Protein backbone atom coordinates (compact mmCIF):
# COMPACT_ATOMS: atom_id res chain seq x y z
CA MET A 1 0.00 0.00 0.00
CA SER A 2 2.75 2.45 0.85
CA ASP A 3 4.36 1.88 -2.55
CA ASN A 4 1.11 2.88 -4.31
CA ARG A 5 0.83 6.07 -2.25
CA GLU A 6 4.37 7.07 -3.13
CA PHE A 7 3.67 6.42 -6.81
CA GLU A 8 0.48 8.52 -6.66
CA LYS A 9 2.41 11.37 -5.03
CA GLU A 10 5.07 11.26 -7.74
CA GLU A 11 2.44 11.12 -10.49
CA ASP A 12 0.63 14.15 -9.05
CA GLN A 13 3.81 16.18 -9.21
CA LEU A 14 4.05 15.77 -13.00
CA THR A 15 2.24 18.19 -15.27
CA ASP A 16 -0.79 17.23 -17.34
CA THR A 17 0.98 17.75 -20.66
CA GLU A 18 3.96 15.45 -20.27
CA VAL A 19 4.92 12.30 -18.43
CA VAL A 20 8.48 11.00 -18.35
CA LYS A 21 8.89 7.23 -18.57
CA ASN A 22 12.12 5.25 -19.08
CA ASP A 23 14.05 8.11 -20.73
CA GLN A 24 11.18 8.81 -23.11
CA GLU A 25 9.08 11.93 -23.21
CA VAL A 26 5.39 11.25 -23.79
CA VAL A 27 3.29 14.21 -24.89
CA GLU A 28 -0.28 13.48 -23.79
CA ASP A 29 -2.32 16.29 -25.37
CA ASP A 30 -1.50 15.52 -29.01
CA PRO A 31 -4.69 15.16 -31.14
CA PHE A 32 -3.26 12.00 -32.75
CA GLY A 33 -2.55 10.28 -29.44
CA PRO A 34 0.58 10.13 -27.30
CA VAL A 35 3.80 10.82 -29.11
CA HIS A 36 6.97 9.15 -27.87
CA GLU A 37 10.09 11.21 -28.39
CA GLU A 38 13.34 9.67 -27.20
CA LYS A 39 15.73 12.00 -25.44
CA GLU A 40 18.75 12.18 -27.71
CA GLU A 41 21.42 14.06 -25.86
CA VAL A 42 23.65 12.73 -23.17
CA THR A 43 25.16 15.25 -20.79
CA PHE A 44 28.92 14.77 -20.77
CA SER A 45 29.98 17.93 -19.00
CA SER A 46 28.70 21.34 -18.05
CA GLU A 47 30.20 22.80 -21.24
CA PRO A 48 28.02 23.15 -24.35
CA VAL A 49 28.60 20.68 -27.18
CA TYR A 50 29.36 22.05 -30.64
CA TYR A 51 29.00 19.68 -33.57
CA GLY A 52 31.69 19.41 -36.24
CA GLY A 53 30.36 20.84 -39.48
CA PHE A 54 30.75 19.67 -43.05
CA TRP A 55 33.79 21.72 -44.04
CA MET A 56 35.89 20.95 -40.95
CA ARG A 57 35.12 17.26 -41.37
CA PHE A 58 35.87 17.48 -45.09
CA TRP A 59 39.37 18.93 -44.50
CA ALA A 60 40.04 16.42 -41.72
CA TYR A 61 39.02 13.61 -44.07
CA LEU A 62 41.39 14.90 -46.77
CA VAL A 63 44.26 14.84 -44.26
CA ASP A 64 43.28 11.27 -43.35
CA LEU A 65 43.22 10.27 -47.02
CA ILE A 66 46.76 11.65 -47.45
CA ILE A 67 47.92 9.63 -44.42
CA VAL A 68 46.20 6.45 -45.64
CA ALA A 69 47.59 6.91 -49.16
CA SER A 70 51.07 7.28 -47.67
CA LEU A 71 50.65 4.13 -45.58
CA ASN A 72 49.33 2.24 -48.59
CA GLY A 73 52.23 3.49 -50.71
CA LEU A 74 54.76 2.32 -48.15
CA ILE A 75 53.19 -1.04 -47.43
CA VAL A 76 51.59 -1.97 -50.73
CA GLY A 77 54.03 -0.19 -53.00
CA GLY A 78 57.09 -1.12 -50.98
CA ALA A 79 56.54 -4.40 -49.18
CA LEU A 80 54.49 -6.22 -51.82
CA VAL A 81 56.88 -5.17 -54.60
CA PHE A 82 59.87 -6.23 -52.48
CA ILE A 83 58.28 -9.62 -51.78
CA GLY A 84 57.17 -9.93 -55.39
CA LEU A 85 53.44 -10.27 -54.71
CA ASP A 86 52.36 -6.94 -56.21
CA GLY A 87 50.86 -8.56 -59.33
CA LEU A 88 48.96 -11.34 -57.52
CA THR A 89 45.25 -11.31 -58.44
CA PHE A 90 42.15 -13.31 -57.56
CA GLY A 91 39.77 -12.83 -60.49
CA ILE A 92 38.99 -9.12 -60.52
CA TYR A 93 40.56 -8.56 -57.09
CA SER A 94 44.25 -7.96 -56.46
CA LEU A 95 46.27 -8.61 -53.34
CA ALA A 96 47.38 -4.97 -53.42
CA GLY A 97 43.72 -3.83 -53.41
CA LEU A 98 42.85 -6.17 -50.54
CA VAL A 99 45.81 -5.04 -48.43
CA SER A 100 45.01 -1.40 -49.25
CA ALA A 101 41.39 -1.84 -48.09
CA ILE A 102 42.51 -3.56 -44.88
CA ILE A 103 44.95 -0.72 -44.12
CA THR A 104 42.33 1.94 -44.81
CA TYR A 105 39.56 0.40 -42.71
CA SER A 106 42.03 -0.51 -39.94
CA TYR A 107 43.36 3.05 -39.76
CA PHE A 108 39.91 4.60 -39.38
CA THR A 109 38.62 1.89 -37.02
CA ILE A 110 41.60 1.64 -34.67
CA MET A 111 42.29 5.38 -34.47
CA THR A 112 38.63 6.16 -33.82
CA LYS A 113 38.32 3.49 -31.12
CA ILE A 114 41.57 4.21 -29.30
CA LEU A 115 41.74 8.02 -29.56
CA GLY A 116 38.14 8.87 -30.45
CA GLN A 117 39.54 10.61 -33.52
CA THR A 118 41.76 10.07 -36.52
CA LEU A 119 44.88 12.18 -37.08
CA GLY A 120 42.92 14.47 -39.42
CA LYS A 121 40.26 15.03 -36.76
CA LEU A 122 43.00 15.58 -34.16
CA ILE A 123 44.54 18.35 -36.29
CA PHE A 124 41.17 20.09 -36.66
CA GLY A 125 40.07 19.59 -33.03
CA LEU A 126 37.27 17.12 -33.77
CA SER A 127 36.37 13.91 -31.97
CA VAL A 128 33.74 11.20 -32.33
CA ILE A 129 31.46 10.35 -29.41
CA SER A 130 28.55 7.99 -28.95
CA VAL A 131 25.19 9.61 -28.31
CA LYS A 132 24.16 6.68 -26.09
CA HIS A 133 27.34 5.90 -24.17
CA GLY A 134 29.60 8.93 -24.49
CA LYS A 135 32.62 6.68 -24.95
CA LEU A 136 32.73 4.69 -28.17
CA THR A 137 32.26 0.93 -28.04
CA TRP A 138 33.73 -1.46 -30.60
CA GLY A 139 30.22 -1.96 -31.97
CA ASP A 140 29.79 1.79 -32.51
CA VAL A 141 33.15 2.06 -34.24
CA LEU A 142 32.69 -0.99 -36.47
CA ILE A 143 29.25 0.16 -37.61
CA ARG A 144 30.45 3.72 -38.21
CA GLU A 145 33.85 3.10 -39.76
CA VAL A 146 33.43 -0.21 -41.59
CA ALA A 147 29.74 -0.61 -42.49
CA GLY A 148 29.10 3.12 -42.90
CA ARG A 149 32.18 3.78 -45.01
CA PHE A 150 31.52 0.68 -47.10
CA ILE A 151 28.05 2.02 -47.91
CA HIS A 152 29.52 5.42 -48.84
CA ARG A 153 32.14 3.83 -51.09
CA SER A 154 30.02 1.09 -52.65
CA LEU A 155 28.67 3.29 -55.45
CA VAL A 156 29.89 6.60 -56.81
CA ILE A 157 26.52 8.22 -56.09
CA THR A 158 26.64 7.20 -52.41
CA ASN A 159 29.62 9.53 -51.86
CA VAL A 160 27.14 12.37 -52.29
CA LEU A 161 25.47 11.24 -49.06
CA TYR A 162 28.22 13.04 -47.12
CA VAL A 163 26.39 16.27 -48.00
CA VAL A 164 23.74 15.26 -45.45
CA ILE A 165 26.18 16.48 -42.77
CA GLY A 166 25.69 20.07 -43.89
CA PHE A 167 21.92 19.95 -43.48
CA ASP A 168 21.46 17.78 -40.40
CA GLY A 169 20.83 19.51 -37.07
CA ARG A 170 23.48 17.46 -35.28
CA LYS A 171 25.78 17.40 -38.32
CA GLN A 172 25.49 13.61 -38.61
CA GLY A 173 26.35 11.73 -41.76
CA ILE A 174 24.55 8.54 -42.72
CA HIS A 175 27.34 6.51 -41.10
CA ASP A 176 26.91 8.55 -37.89
CA LYS A 177 23.17 7.89 -37.85
CA PHE A 178 23.73 4.12 -38.24
CA ALA A 179 26.16 4.04 -35.33
CA ASP A 180 24.38 6.73 -33.26
CA THR A 181 27.52 8.85 -33.06
CA VAL A 182 28.26 12.54 -33.47
CA VAL A 183 31.42 14.44 -34.32
CA VAL A 184 32.02 17.29 -31.89
CA LEU A 185 34.51 20.10 -31.56
CA GLU A 186 36.84 19.51 -28.64
CA PRO A 187 36.72 22.22 -25.99
CA ARG A 188 39.58 24.64 -26.44
CA LYS A 189 41.81 25.28 -23.49
CA SER A 190 42.27 28.84 -22.42
CA ARG A 191 45.78 30.22 -22.73
CA ARG A 192 45.27 32.34 -19.64
CA SER A 193 46.32 30.60 -16.47
């Protein structure tokens, strides 16, 4: 009985227009019935969060492509030629292409998981965070960096999907939406001490 009284007291304290249940906001006075809107933001600190926009992410990605191309040139162009396996093919696939893809996906996946950012994002003060957890899990990173990038690269037209970042409220690309991640600007440290 005492549990029911406490529940009734808590329910009375809520307003008539909204009830909060299990991290969902339910708006009761909608003419089409209750609308469930999930709360999206996680509070990480008292500082405001600024999302990384299209152009900053674009330049960071170009830096990352230069780094990956350099790694591929050293490993694929150097090691495979030295070993003599640079011309090895499997139907339409080559060993050089396979190694290049592994290096590229590994770079983005490992850097994003360990540091929360690639070297390009580090230079531009950007980092990737999970909307749900704050810290990235391996699942978040694999969905974002492997599945998401594969979708973007699978067809030439799918590269255009990066433009979504410029129009989305949280500056999320399609790969960010799949993994429920956002790219944010890192807080800048004051030079005054």
